[in-house]
């Protein structure tokens, strides 16, 4: 099948966090933030393409002979092997000049879930294209990250994984401070409290020019109550 797939954590579409993110990534949020609409569109262009999410398995093409249905079945089976869990509070932070939501403290359950998505679905992933490998290496990877790239198709996995939900492109210090202040004010009631991870999402991008869209959401198998 053409295009790329990825496995994400995405909040429920009707949750306060998802609704806020949809508004922020929408076309009219710049006015509320006190910035021109064209600047706002540029700031959120990349996260809008990928959708509001945390990456568990980064975008990849399917291996030859593999279908989206094959991947969906494998992802559903993986999800069924995990229990829903409570995650630490989210905080706004700067991640490589992006503004993102990150976990306040380590979360072994999240790390285990992400690691399983990377390793247990890897047989369905096409080999990394040489051009993509060159692009990644040119960004200045560590020896460990380059080894992970070659083995798993992405450098920021396993011990290099850090949960984050991106809200902007890279910003200069002044603009980042301004946008962080706005988001912190508007999101104060949404962050700083524990939350539950109850599902994983399989998403699809038909071409590099199009946004990722939901393919299927799979519940984690055994709610922890």
N, C-alpha and C. Protein backbone atom coordinates (compact mmCIF):
# COMPACT_ATOMS: atom_id res chain seq x y z
N UNK A 1 0.84 -1.19 0.00
CA UNK A 1 0.00 0.00 0.00
C UNK A 1 0.88 1.25 0.00
N UNK A 2 0.47 2.25 -0.76
CA UNK A 2 1.25 3.48 -0.86
C UNK A 2 1.16 4.30 0.42
N UNK A 3 2.08 5.25 0.55
CA UNK A 3 2.06 6.15 1.70
C UNK A 3 2.82 5.59 2.88
N UNK A 4 2.60 6.22 4.02
CA UNK A 4 3.30 5.83 5.24
C UNK A 4 2.30 5.62 6.38
N UNK A 5 2.68 4.77 7.30
CA UNK A 5 1.91 4.54 8.52
C UNK A 5 2.77 4.96 9.71
N UNK A 6 2.11 5.19 10.83
CA UNK A 6 2.79 5.43 12.10
C UNK A 6 1.86 4.98 13.22
N UNK A 7 2.44 4.75 14.38
CA UNK A 7 1.64 4.44 15.57
C UNK A 7 1.83 5.58 16.56
N UNK A 8 0.72 6.13 16.99
CA UNK A 8 0.71 7.31 17.86
C UNK A 8 -0.01 7.01 19.17
N UNK A 9 0.29 7.82 20.16
CA UNK A 9 -0.69 8.07 21.22
C UNK A 9 -1.43 9.34 20.83
N UNK A 10 -2.75 9.27 20.78
CA UNK A 10 -3.57 10.46 20.54
C UNK A 10 -4.65 10.51 21.61
N UNK A 11 -4.92 11.67 22.17
CA UNK A 11 -6.01 11.77 23.15
C UNK A 11 -7.35 11.54 22.46
N UNK A 12 -8.32 11.09 23.23
CA UNK A 12 -9.66 10.89 22.69
C UNK A 12 -10.15 12.18 22.03
N UNK A 13 -10.81 12.04 20.89
CA UNK A 13 -11.19 13.21 20.09
C UNK A 13 -12.07 14.18 20.85
N UNK A 14 -12.83 13.69 21.82
CA UNK A 14 -13.74 14.55 22.58
C UNK A 14 -13.13 15.06 23.88
N UNK A 15 -11.87 14.71 24.16
CA UNK A 15 -11.24 15.15 25.40
C UNK A 15 -10.92 16.64 25.33
N UNK A 16 -10.80 17.27 26.48
CA UNK A 16 -10.47 18.70 26.53
C UNK A 16 -9.13 18.98 25.84
N UNK A 17 -8.17 18.09 26.05
CA UNK A 17 -6.85 18.29 25.46
C UNK A 17 -6.92 18.23 23.94
N UNK A 18 -7.62 17.24 23.41
CA UNK A 18 -7.73 17.11 21.96
C UNK A 18 -8.47 18.29 21.36
N UNK A 19 -9.52 18.75 22.02
CA UNK A 19 -10.29 19.88 21.50
C UNK A 19 -9.45 21.15 21.51
N UNK A 20 -8.67 21.35 22.59
CA UNK A 20 -7.80 22.52 22.61
C UNK A 20 -6.77 22.44 21.49
N UNK A 21 -6.14 21.27 21.34
CA UNK A 21 -5.11 21.13 20.31
C UNK A 21 -5.69 21.35 18.92
N UNK A 22 -6.90 20.85 18.68
CA UNK A 22 -7.54 21.06 17.38
C UNK A 22 -7.74 22.54 17.12
N UNK A 23 -8.14 23.27 18.15
CA UNK A 23 -8.30 24.71 18.00
C UNK A 23 -6.98 25.41 17.75
N UNK A 24 -5.94 25.03 18.50
CA UNK A 24 -4.63 25.65 18.34
C UNK A 24 -4.05 25.38 16.95
N UNK A 25 -4.22 24.17 16.46
CA UNK A 25 -3.69 23.83 15.15
C UNK A 25 -4.59 24.30 14.01
N UNK A 26 -5.76 24.84 14.36
CA UNK A 26 -6.71 25.31 13.36
C UNK A 26 -6.28 26.63 12.74
N UNK A 27 -7.16 27.16 11.92
CA UNK A 27 -6.79 28.30 11.08
C UNK A 27 -7.00 29.66 11.72
N UNK A 28 -7.66 29.72 12.88
CA UNK A 28 -8.01 31.02 13.43
C UNK A 28 -7.41 31.29 14.81
N UNK A 29 -6.54 30.40 15.28
CA UNK A 29 -6.02 30.54 16.63
C UNK A 29 -5.02 31.68 16.77
N UNK A 30 -4.44 32.13 15.67
CA UNK A 30 -3.44 33.18 15.75
C UNK A 30 -3.98 34.46 16.35
N UNK A 31 -5.23 34.78 16.05
CA UNK A 31 -5.83 36.00 16.58
C UNK A 31 -5.84 35.99 18.10
N UNK A 32 -6.25 34.86 18.68
CA UNK A 32 -6.29 34.74 20.14
C UNK A 32 -4.89 34.84 20.74
N UNK A 33 -3.90 34.33 20.01
CA UNK A 33 -2.52 34.37 20.51
C UNK A 33 -1.86 35.72 20.27
N UNK A 34 -2.54 36.61 19.56
CA UNK A 34 -1.99 37.93 19.31
C UNK A 34 -0.90 37.95 18.26
N UNK A 35 -0.94 37.01 17.32
CA UNK A 35 0.04 36.97 16.25
C UNK A 35 -0.70 36.94 14.92
N UNK A 36 -0.07 37.41 13.84
CA UNK A 36 -0.73 37.40 12.54
C UNK A 36 -1.09 35.99 12.10
N UNK A 37 -2.19 35.88 11.37
CA UNK A 37 -2.66 34.56 10.95
C UNK A 37 -1.63 33.84 10.08
N UNK A 38 -0.94 34.57 9.21
CA UNK A 38 0.03 33.89 8.35
C UNK A 38 1.20 33.34 9.17
N UNK A 39 1.60 34.06 10.22
CA UNK A 39 2.65 33.56 11.09
C UNK A 39 2.16 32.35 11.87
N UNK A 40 0.95 32.41 12.37
CA UNK A 40 0.40 31.26 13.09
C UNK A 40 0.35 30.03 12.20
N UNK A 41 -0.12 30.19 10.97
CA UNK A 41 -0.18 29.05 10.05
C UNK A 41 1.19 28.43 9.85
N UNK A 42 2.20 29.27 9.76
CA UNK A 42 3.56 28.77 9.60
C UNK A 42 4.05 28.05 10.85
N UNK A 43 3.73 28.59 12.01
CA UNK A 43 4.15 28.00 13.28
C UNK A 43 3.59 26.59 13.46
N UNK A 44 2.35 26.37 13.04
CA UNK A 44 1.70 25.08 13.29
C UNK A 44 1.65 24.19 12.05
N UNK A 45 2.28 24.59 10.97
CA UNK A 45 2.17 23.82 9.72
C UNK A 45 2.65 22.38 9.89
N UNK A 46 3.80 22.19 10.52
CA UNK A 46 4.34 20.84 10.67
C UNK A 46 3.50 20.01 11.64
N UNK A 47 3.21 20.49 12.86
CA UNK A 47 2.37 19.67 13.74
C UNK A 47 0.97 19.44 13.18
N UNK A 48 0.45 20.35 12.38
CA UNK A 48 -0.86 20.13 11.77
C UNK A 48 -0.79 18.97 10.78
N UNK A 49 0.29 18.87 10.03
CA UNK A 49 0.44 17.78 9.06
C UNK A 49 0.48 16.43 9.76
N UNK A 50 1.20 16.37 10.87
CA UNK A 50 1.35 15.09 11.57
C UNK A 50 0.20 14.82 12.53
N UNK A 51 -0.57 15.84 12.87
CA UNK A 51 -1.65 15.68 13.83
C UNK A 51 -1.13 15.78 15.25
N UNK A 52 -2.01 16.11 16.19
CA UNK A 52 -1.61 16.23 17.59
C UNK A 52 -1.43 14.84 18.15
N UNK A 53 -0.22 14.53 18.58
CA UNK A 53 0.09 13.16 18.94
C UNK A 53 1.42 13.09 19.70
N UNK A 54 1.69 11.90 20.23
CA UNK A 54 3.04 11.51 20.63
C UNK A 54 3.40 10.28 19.81
N UNK A 55 4.57 10.29 19.21
CA UNK A 55 4.99 9.18 18.36
C UNK A 55 5.39 7.98 19.21
N UNK A 56 4.82 6.83 18.89
CA UNK A 56 5.24 5.56 19.48
C UNK A 56 6.08 4.76 18.48
N UNK A 57 5.65 4.76 17.23
CA UNK A 57 6.46 4.21 16.13
C UNK A 57 6.42 5.22 15.00
N UNK A 58 7.58 5.72 14.63
CA UNK A 58 7.67 6.81 13.66
C UNK A 58 7.20 6.37 12.28
N UNK A 59 6.83 7.33 11.43
CA UNK A 59 6.31 7.00 10.10
C UNK A 59 7.24 6.07 9.31
N UNK A 60 6.62 5.12 8.63
CA UNK A 60 7.37 4.14 7.84
C UNK A 60 6.50 3.64 6.69
N UNK A 61 7.16 3.19 5.63
CA UNK A 61 6.47 2.52 4.53
C UNK A 61 6.34 1.04 4.86
N UNK A 62 5.32 0.41 4.31
CA UNK A 62 5.11 -1.01 4.55
C UNK A 62 6.10 -1.85 3.76
N UNK A 63 6.48 -2.98 4.33
CA UNK A 63 7.33 -3.93 3.63
C UNK A 63 6.59 -4.47 2.41
N UNK A 64 7.32 -4.85 1.36
CA UNK A 64 6.67 -5.41 0.18
C UNK A 64 5.78 -6.60 0.54
N UNK A 65 4.60 -6.64 -0.03
CA UNK A 65 3.66 -7.72 0.23
C UNK A 65 2.83 -7.55 1.48
N UNK A 66 3.06 -6.48 2.23
CA UNK A 66 2.31 -6.21 3.46
C UNK A 66 1.19 -5.22 3.16
N UNK A 67 0.05 -5.43 3.77
CA UNK A 67 -1.10 -4.53 3.58
C UNK A 67 -1.38 -3.74 4.85
N UNK A 68 -2.17 -2.70 4.69
CA UNK A 68 -2.62 -1.95 5.86
C UNK A 68 -3.40 -2.81 6.82
N UNK A 69 -4.15 -3.76 6.29
CA UNK A 69 -4.91 -4.67 7.15
C UNK A 69 -3.98 -5.56 7.96
N UNK A 70 -2.87 -5.99 7.36
CA UNK A 70 -1.88 -6.78 8.11
C UNK A 70 -1.35 -5.97 9.29
N UNK A 71 -1.01 -4.73 9.02
CA UNK A 71 -0.49 -3.87 10.08
C UNK A 71 -1.54 -3.61 11.14
N UNK A 72 -2.77 -3.39 10.73
CA UNK A 72 -3.84 -3.15 11.70
C UNK A 72 -4.04 -4.35 12.62
N UNK A 73 -4.02 -5.55 12.07
CA UNK A 73 -4.18 -6.75 12.90
C UNK A 73 -3.03 -6.88 13.90
N UNK A 74 -1.82 -6.63 13.44
CA UNK A 74 -0.67 -6.74 14.34
C UNK A 74 -0.71 -5.67 15.42
N UNK A 75 -1.15 -4.48 15.07
CA UNK A 75 -1.23 -3.39 16.05
C UNK A 75 -2.32 -3.67 17.07
N UNK A 76 -3.44 -4.21 16.62
CA UNK A 76 -4.52 -4.57 17.54
C UNK A 76 -4.05 -5.64 18.52
N UNK A 77 -3.32 -6.63 18.02
CA UNK A 77 -2.82 -7.70 18.90
C UNK A 77 -1.83 -7.15 19.91
N UNK A 78 -0.97 -6.24 19.47
CA UNK A 78 -0.02 -5.62 20.39
C UNK A 78 -0.75 -4.86 21.49
N UNK A 79 -1.74 -4.06 21.10
CA UNK A 79 -2.49 -3.28 22.09
C UNK A 79 -3.17 -4.18 23.11
N UNK A 80 -3.66 -5.32 22.66
CA UNK A 80 -4.38 -6.22 23.56
C UNK A 80 -3.47 -6.81 24.63
N UNK A 81 -2.17 -6.81 24.39
CA UNK A 81 -1.21 -7.36 25.35
C UNK A 81 -0.85 -6.38 26.46
N UNK A 82 -1.32 -5.14 26.36
CA UNK A 82 -0.99 -4.11 27.35
C UNK A 82 -2.23 -3.73 28.14
N UNK A 83 -2.02 -3.34 29.37
CA UNK A 83 -3.09 -2.78 30.20
C UNK A 83 -3.09 -1.27 30.10
N UNK A 84 -4.27 -0.68 30.21
CA UNK A 84 -4.34 0.77 30.35
C UNK A 84 -3.55 1.20 31.58
N UNK A 85 -3.01 2.40 31.56
CA UNK A 85 -2.19 2.83 32.70
C UNK A 85 -2.31 4.33 32.92
N UNK A 86 -1.93 4.73 34.11
CA UNK A 86 -1.90 6.15 34.46
C UNK A 86 -0.53 6.72 34.11
N UNK A 87 -0.55 7.89 33.51
CA UNK A 87 0.69 8.56 33.11
C UNK A 87 0.92 9.79 33.98
N UNK A 88 2.17 10.20 34.15
CA UNK A 88 2.46 11.40 34.94
C UNK A 88 1.86 12.64 34.28
N UNK A 89 1.76 13.72 35.04
CA UNK A 89 1.24 14.97 34.48
C UNK A 89 2.06 15.45 33.28
N UNK A 90 1.39 16.20 32.42
CA UNK A 90 2.04 16.84 31.28
C UNK A 90 2.48 18.25 31.66
N UNK A 91 3.59 18.68 31.10
CA UNK A 91 4.06 20.05 31.26
C UNK A 91 4.47 20.60 29.90
N UNK A 92 4.33 21.91 29.72
CA UNK A 92 4.88 22.57 28.54
C UNK A 92 6.39 22.66 28.66
N UNK A 93 7.09 22.41 27.56
CA UNK A 93 8.55 22.46 27.59
C UNK A 93 9.07 22.80 26.20
N UNK A 94 10.34 23.14 26.15
CA UNK A 94 11.03 23.33 24.88
C UNK A 94 11.79 22.06 24.56
N UNK A 95 11.54 21.52 23.37
CA UNK A 95 12.22 20.31 22.90
C UNK A 95 12.88 20.65 21.57
N UNK A 96 14.20 20.84 21.59
CA UNK A 96 14.92 21.16 20.36
C UNK A 96 14.31 22.36 19.64
N UNK A 97 13.98 23.39 20.39
CA UNK A 97 13.42 24.66 19.92
C UNK A 97 11.94 24.57 19.53
N UNK A 98 11.33 23.41 19.66
CA UNK A 98 9.89 23.27 19.51
C UNK A 98 9.22 23.50 20.86
N UNK A 99 7.96 23.91 20.86
CA UNK A 99 7.15 23.87 22.08
C UNK A 99 6.37 22.57 22.05
N UNK A 100 6.42 21.84 23.15
CA UNK A 100 5.76 20.54 23.21
C UNK A 100 5.28 20.26 24.62
N UNK A 101 4.38 19.31 24.72
CA UNK A 101 3.98 18.76 26.01
C UNK A 101 4.84 17.54 26.29
N UNK A 102 5.39 17.47 27.48
CA UNK A 102 6.24 16.35 27.88
C UNK A 102 5.75 15.81 29.22
N UNK A 103 6.21 14.62 29.56
CA UNK A 103 5.87 14.03 30.85
C UNK A 103 6.73 14.66 31.94
N UNK A 104 6.12 14.94 33.05
CA UNK A 104 6.83 15.58 34.16
C UNK A 104 7.89 14.67 34.76
N UNK A 105 7.68 13.39 34.67
CA UNK A 105 8.63 12.42 35.24
C UNK A 105 8.62 11.17 34.38
N UNK A 106 9.61 10.29 34.54
CA UNK A 106 9.66 9.08 33.72
C UNK A 106 8.41 8.22 33.89
N UNK A 107 8.07 7.50 32.83
CA UNK A 107 6.90 6.63 32.85
C UNK A 107 7.29 5.29 32.22
N UNK A 108 7.71 4.31 33.03
CA UNK A 108 8.13 3.03 32.47
C UNK A 108 7.07 2.36 31.60
N UNK A 109 5.80 2.50 31.96
CA UNK A 109 4.74 1.88 31.16
C UNK A 109 4.70 2.48 29.76
N UNK A 110 4.87 3.79 29.65
CA UNK A 110 4.89 4.43 28.34
C UNK A 110 6.10 3.99 27.54
N UNK A 111 7.24 3.91 28.19
CA UNK A 111 8.45 3.46 27.52
C UNK A 111 8.30 2.04 26.99
N UNK A 112 7.69 1.17 27.80
CA UNK A 112 7.49 -0.21 27.38
C UNK A 112 6.54 -0.29 26.18
N UNK A 113 5.48 0.51 26.21
CA UNK A 113 4.53 0.51 25.11
C UNK A 113 5.20 0.98 23.82
N UNK A 114 5.96 2.07 23.91
CA UNK A 114 6.66 2.58 22.72
C UNK A 114 7.67 1.57 22.19
N UNK A 115 8.41 0.93 23.10
CA UNK A 115 9.40 -0.06 22.67
C UNK A 115 8.73 -1.23 21.95
N UNK A 116 7.59 -1.66 22.46
CA UNK A 116 6.88 -2.77 21.81
C UNK A 116 6.40 -2.37 20.42
N UNK A 117 5.90 -1.15 20.28
CA UNK A 117 5.46 -0.69 18.96
C UNK A 117 6.62 -0.70 17.97
N UNK A 118 7.79 -0.28 18.43
CA UNK A 118 8.96 -0.25 17.56
C UNK A 118 9.40 -1.65 17.16
N UNK A 119 9.54 -2.53 18.13
CA UNK A 119 10.16 -3.83 17.87
C UNK A 119 9.19 -4.87 17.32
N UNK A 120 7.97 -4.91 17.85
CA UNK A 120 7.04 -5.97 17.47
C UNK A 120 6.38 -5.75 16.12
N UNK A 121 6.42 -4.53 15.62
CA UNK A 121 5.84 -4.24 14.31
C UNK A 121 6.91 -4.08 13.24
N UNK A 122 8.17 -4.27 13.61
CA UNK A 122 9.26 -3.94 12.69
C UNK A 122 9.28 -4.84 11.46
N UNK A 123 8.80 -6.07 11.58
CA UNK A 123 8.82 -6.97 10.42
C UNK A 123 7.87 -6.51 9.32
N UNK A 124 7.00 -5.56 9.63
CA UNK A 124 6.07 -5.02 8.64
C UNK A 124 6.58 -3.73 8.00
N UNK A 125 7.74 -3.28 8.42
CA UNK A 125 8.32 -2.02 7.94
C UNK A 125 9.27 -2.26 6.77
N UNK A 126 9.14 -1.44 5.73
CA UNK A 126 10.10 -1.49 4.62
C UNK A 126 11.45 -0.95 5.08
N UNK A 127 12.55 -1.42 4.49
CA UNK A 127 13.87 -0.87 4.84
C UNK A 127 13.91 0.64 4.63
N UNK A 128 14.69 1.29 5.45
CA UNK A 128 14.82 2.74 5.36
C UNK A 128 15.50 3.11 4.04
N UNK A 129 14.92 4.06 3.32
CA UNK A 129 15.51 4.52 2.07
C UNK A 129 16.84 5.21 2.34
N UNK A 130 17.80 5.05 1.44
CA UNK A 130 19.13 5.62 1.65
C UNK A 130 19.08 7.14 1.77
N UNK A 131 18.19 7.77 1.00
CA UNK A 131 18.07 9.22 1.08
C UNK A 131 17.59 9.66 2.45
N UNK A 132 16.64 8.91 3.03
CA UNK A 132 16.14 9.24 4.36
C UNK A 132 17.21 9.01 5.40
N UNK A 133 17.99 7.94 5.24
CA UNK A 133 19.08 7.69 6.19
C UNK A 133 20.09 8.83 6.15
N UNK A 134 20.46 9.26 4.96
CA UNK A 134 21.42 10.36 4.83
C UNK A 134 20.88 11.63 5.47
N UNK A 135 19.60 11.88 5.29
CA UNK A 135 19.00 13.08 5.89
C UNK A 135 19.09 13.02 7.40
N UNK A 136 18.78 11.88 7.97
CA UNK A 136 18.82 11.73 9.42
C UNK A 136 20.24 11.87 9.95
N UNK A 137 21.18 11.22 9.32
CA UNK A 137 22.56 11.26 9.79
C UNK A 137 23.11 12.68 9.71
N UNK A 138 22.70 13.43 8.70
CA UNK A 138 23.19 14.80 8.54
C UNK A 138 22.74 15.72 9.66
N UNK A 139 21.75 15.29 10.44
CA UNK A 139 21.24 16.11 11.54
C UNK A 139 22.12 16.02 12.78
N UNK A 140 23.15 15.18 12.73
CA UNK A 140 24.09 15.12 13.85
C UNK A 140 23.70 14.11 14.91
N UNK A 141 23.57 12.85 14.53
CA UNK A 141 23.20 11.81 15.47
C UNK A 141 24.41 11.32 16.25
N UNK A 142 24.14 10.82 17.46
CA UNK A 142 25.18 10.14 18.23
C UNK A 142 25.42 8.76 17.63
N UNK A 143 26.49 8.12 18.08
CA UNK A 143 26.78 6.76 17.61
C UNK A 143 25.61 5.83 17.93
N UNK A 144 25.07 5.96 19.13
CA UNK A 144 23.95 5.12 19.54
C UNK A 144 22.72 5.40 18.67
N UNK A 145 22.43 6.66 18.43
CA UNK A 145 21.26 7.00 17.62
C UNK A 145 21.40 6.50 16.19
N UNK A 146 22.60 6.56 15.65
CA UNK A 146 22.81 6.06 14.29
C UNK A 146 22.61 4.54 14.24
N UNK A 147 23.05 3.85 15.29
CA UNK A 147 22.84 2.40 15.35
C UNK A 147 21.35 2.07 15.43
N UNK A 148 20.60 2.84 16.21
CA UNK A 148 19.16 2.63 16.30
C UNK A 148 18.48 2.92 14.96
N UNK A 149 18.94 3.96 14.28
CA UNK A 149 18.40 4.28 12.95
C UNK A 149 18.58 3.10 12.00
N UNK A 150 19.76 2.51 12.00
CA UNK A 150 20.03 1.40 11.09
C UNK A 150 19.24 0.15 11.46
N UNK A 151 19.02 -0.06 12.75
CA UNK A 151 18.31 -1.28 13.16
C UNK A 151 16.80 -1.13 13.08
N UNK A 152 16.28 0.04 13.50
CA UNK A 152 14.83 0.19 13.65
C UNK A 152 14.22 1.26 12.76
N UNK A 153 15.03 1.92 11.94
CA UNK A 153 14.50 2.90 11.00
C UNK A 153 14.26 4.28 11.57
N UNK A 154 14.62 4.49 12.82
CA UNK A 154 14.40 5.79 13.48
C UNK A 154 15.37 5.89 14.64
N UNK A 155 15.99 7.05 14.86
CA UNK A 155 17.05 7.13 15.87
C UNK A 155 16.58 7.34 17.30
N UNK A 156 15.34 7.78 17.49
CA UNK A 156 14.90 8.18 18.83
C UNK A 156 13.92 7.15 19.39
N UNK A 157 14.43 5.94 19.57
CA UNK A 157 13.62 4.83 20.07
C UNK A 157 14.34 4.16 21.23
N UNK A 158 13.61 3.28 21.93
CA UNK A 158 14.15 2.51 23.05
C UNK A 158 14.76 3.45 24.08
N UNK A 159 16.05 3.34 24.39
CA UNK A 159 16.63 4.21 25.42
C UNK A 159 16.76 5.66 24.98
N UNK A 160 16.54 5.96 23.70
CA UNK A 160 16.57 7.34 23.20
C UNK A 160 15.16 7.92 23.04
N UNK A 161 14.14 7.16 23.45
CA UNK A 161 12.75 7.63 23.33
C UNK A 161 12.43 8.64 24.42
N UNK A 162 11.79 9.73 24.02
CA UNK A 162 11.30 10.73 24.96
C UNK A 162 9.91 11.16 24.51
N UNK A 163 8.92 10.86 25.32
CA UNK A 163 7.54 11.19 24.99
C UNK A 163 7.38 12.70 24.85
N UNK A 164 6.78 13.14 23.75
CA UNK A 164 6.45 14.56 23.59
C UNK A 164 5.33 14.71 22.57
N UNK A 165 4.54 15.76 22.76
CA UNK A 165 3.43 16.09 21.86
C UNK A 165 3.68 17.51 21.34
N UNK A 166 4.08 17.61 20.09
CA UNK A 166 4.56 18.87 19.53
C UNK A 166 3.42 19.82 19.19
N UNK A 167 3.62 21.09 19.51
CA UNK A 167 2.61 22.12 19.26
C UNK A 167 3.05 23.18 18.27
N UNK A 168 4.34 23.25 17.94
CA UNK A 168 4.85 24.28 17.03
C UNK A 168 6.01 23.71 16.21
N UNK A 169 6.44 24.49 15.24
CA UNK A 169 7.73 24.26 14.60
C UNK A 169 8.82 24.80 15.51
N UNK A 170 10.08 24.72 15.07
CA UNK A 170 11.16 25.36 15.80
C UNK A 170 10.94 26.88 15.80
N UNK A 171 11.17 27.50 16.95
CA UNK A 171 10.94 28.94 17.10
C UNK A 171 12.18 29.61 17.67
N UNK A 172 12.40 30.87 17.30
CA UNK A 172 13.48 31.62 17.94
C UNK A 172 13.06 31.95 19.38
N UNK A 173 14.03 32.35 20.19
CA UNK A 173 13.79 32.49 21.63
C UNK A 173 12.65 33.45 21.94
N UNK A 174 12.62 34.59 21.26
CA UNK A 174 11.61 35.59 21.58
C UNK A 174 10.21 35.12 21.26
N UNK A 175 10.02 34.55 20.08
CA UNK A 175 8.69 34.08 19.69
C UNK A 175 8.29 32.87 20.53
N UNK A 176 9.25 32.01 20.83
CA UNK A 176 8.94 30.84 21.64
C UNK A 176 8.47 31.25 23.03
N UNK A 177 9.10 32.25 23.62
CA UNK A 177 8.67 32.72 24.94
C UNK A 177 7.25 33.29 24.87
N UNK A 178 6.96 34.02 23.83
CA UNK A 178 5.64 34.61 23.66
C UNK A 178 4.56 33.54 23.50
N UNK A 179 4.83 32.56 22.64
CA UNK A 179 3.84 31.50 22.40
C UNK A 179 3.71 30.60 23.62
N UNK A 180 4.81 30.33 24.30
CA UNK A 180 4.75 29.51 25.52
C UNK A 180 3.89 30.17 26.58
N UNK A 181 4.01 31.50 26.71
CA UNK A 181 3.19 32.21 27.67
C UNK A 181 1.71 32.09 27.35
N UNK A 182 1.37 32.23 26.07
CA UNK A 182 -0.03 32.10 25.65
C UNK A 182 -0.54 30.69 25.92
N UNK A 183 0.23 29.68 25.50
CA UNK A 183 -0.23 28.30 25.67
C UNK A 183 -0.30 27.93 27.15
N UNK A 184 0.66 28.37 27.93
CA UNK A 184 0.63 28.07 29.36
C UNK A 184 -0.61 28.63 30.02
N UNK A 185 -1.00 29.85 29.63
CA UNK A 185 -2.21 30.46 30.19
C UNK A 185 -3.45 29.69 29.77
N UNK A 186 -3.53 29.34 28.50
CA UNK A 186 -4.73 28.68 27.99
C UNK A 186 -4.83 27.21 28.39
N UNK A 187 -3.70 26.58 28.66
CA UNK A 187 -3.69 25.15 28.94
C UNK A 187 -3.49 24.83 30.42
N UNK A 188 -3.50 25.84 31.25
CA UNK A 188 -3.21 25.62 32.66
C UNK A 188 -4.08 24.56 33.31
N UNK A 189 -5.36 24.50 32.91
CA UNK A 189 -6.28 23.54 33.52
C UNK A 189 -6.13 22.14 32.92
N UNK A 190 -5.33 22.00 31.86
CA UNK A 190 -5.19 20.71 31.19
C UNK A 190 -3.91 19.99 31.55
N UNK A 191 -2.96 20.71 32.12
CA UNK A 191 -1.67 20.10 32.43
C UNK A 191 -1.48 20.05 33.95
N UNK A 192 -0.45 19.32 34.35
CA UNK A 192 -0.16 19.24 35.77
C UNK A 192 -1.00 18.24 36.53
N UNK A 193 -1.67 17.33 35.82
CA UNK A 193 -2.47 16.32 36.51
C UNK A 193 -2.29 14.98 35.80
N UNK A 194 -2.43 13.90 36.56
CA UNK A 194 -2.29 12.57 35.98
C UNK A 194 -3.38 12.33 34.94
N UNK A 195 -3.11 11.43 34.01
CA UNK A 195 -4.07 11.10 32.97
C UNK A 195 -3.89 9.63 32.60
N UNK A 196 -4.82 9.11 31.83
CA UNK A 196 -4.82 7.68 31.53
C UNK A 196 -4.54 7.44 30.05
N UNK A 197 -3.75 6.43 29.81
CA UNK A 197 -3.48 5.96 28.45
C UNK A 197 -4.30 4.69 28.25
N UNK A 198 -5.25 4.74 27.34
CA UNK A 198 -6.19 3.63 27.19
C UNK A 198 -6.20 3.05 25.78
N UNK A 199 -5.44 3.63 24.86
CA UNK A 199 -5.46 3.14 23.48
C UNK A 199 -4.21 3.60 22.74
N UNK A 200 -4.00 3.01 21.58
CA UNK A 200 -3.00 3.50 20.64
C UNK A 200 -3.68 3.69 19.29
N UNK A 201 -3.09 4.55 18.46
CA UNK A 201 -3.71 4.91 17.19
C UNK A 201 -2.79 4.56 16.03
N UNK A 202 -3.36 3.92 15.03
CA UNK A 202 -2.67 3.68 13.77
C UNK A 202 -3.10 4.76 12.79
N UNK A 203 -2.14 5.49 12.24
CA UNK A 203 -2.45 6.60 11.34
C UNK A 203 -1.77 6.36 10.00
N UNK A 204 -2.30 7.04 8.97
CA UNK A 204 -1.82 6.83 7.61
C UNK A 204 -1.67 8.16 6.90
N UNK A 205 -0.63 8.26 6.10
CA UNK A 205 -0.39 9.43 5.24
C UNK A 205 -0.31 8.94 3.80
N UNK A 206 -1.24 9.36 2.97
CA UNK A 206 -1.30 8.87 1.59
C UNK A 206 -0.11 9.34 0.76
N UNK A 207 0.35 10.57 0.99
CA UNK A 207 1.53 11.10 0.32
C UNK A 207 2.17 12.14 1.23
N UNK A 208 3.41 12.51 0.93
CA UNK A 208 4.13 13.45 1.79
C UNK A 208 3.48 14.83 1.81
N UNK A 209 2.64 15.11 0.83
CA UNK A 209 1.97 16.41 0.76
C UNK A 209 0.68 16.45 1.55
N UNK A 210 0.23 15.32 2.04
CA UNK A 210 -1.06 15.24 2.72
C UNK A 210 -0.86 15.00 4.22
N UNK A 211 -1.86 15.35 5.02
CA UNK A 211 -1.75 15.12 6.47
C UNK A 211 -1.96 13.66 6.82
N UNK A 212 -1.49 13.29 8.00
CA UNK A 212 -1.81 11.97 8.54
C UNK A 212 -3.27 11.95 8.99
N UNK A 213 -3.92 10.83 8.76
CA UNK A 213 -5.31 10.66 9.18
C UNK A 213 -5.45 9.36 9.96
N UNK A 214 -6.46 9.31 10.79
CA UNK A 214 -6.69 8.13 11.61
C UNK A 214 -7.09 6.94 10.75
N UNK A 215 -6.38 5.83 10.94
CA UNK A 215 -6.73 4.57 10.28
C UNK A 215 -7.58 3.74 11.23
N UNK A 216 -7.11 3.61 12.47
CA UNK A 216 -7.87 2.87 13.48
C UNK A 216 -7.30 3.18 14.86
N UNK A 217 -8.17 3.11 15.86
CA UNK A 217 -7.75 3.26 17.26
C UNK A 217 -7.98 1.92 17.95
N UNK A 218 -6.96 1.45 18.69
CA UNK A 218 -7.03 0.15 19.33
C UNK A 218 -6.93 0.29 20.84
N UNK A 219 -7.92 -0.22 21.58
CA UNK A 219 -7.86 -0.12 23.04
C UNK A 219 -6.78 -1.01 23.62
N UNK A 220 -6.14 -0.54 24.67
CA UNK A 220 -5.24 -1.40 25.42
C UNK A 220 -6.09 -2.44 26.14
N UNK A 221 -5.55 -3.66 26.22
CA UNK A 221 -6.41 -4.80 26.47
C UNK A 221 -7.06 -4.95 27.81
N UNK A 222 -6.43 -4.47 28.86
CA UNK A 222 -6.93 -4.79 30.19
C UNK A 222 -6.96 -3.54 31.05
N UNK A 223 -8.03 -2.76 31.05
CA UNK A 223 -8.10 -1.54 31.86
C UNK A 223 -7.70 -1.80 33.30
N UNK A 224 -6.93 -0.86 33.86
CA UNK A 224 -6.39 -1.09 35.20
C UNK A 224 -7.33 -0.64 36.30
N UNK A 225 -8.49 -0.08 35.91
CA UNK A 225 -9.45 0.34 36.93
C UNK A 225 -8.95 1.47 37.75
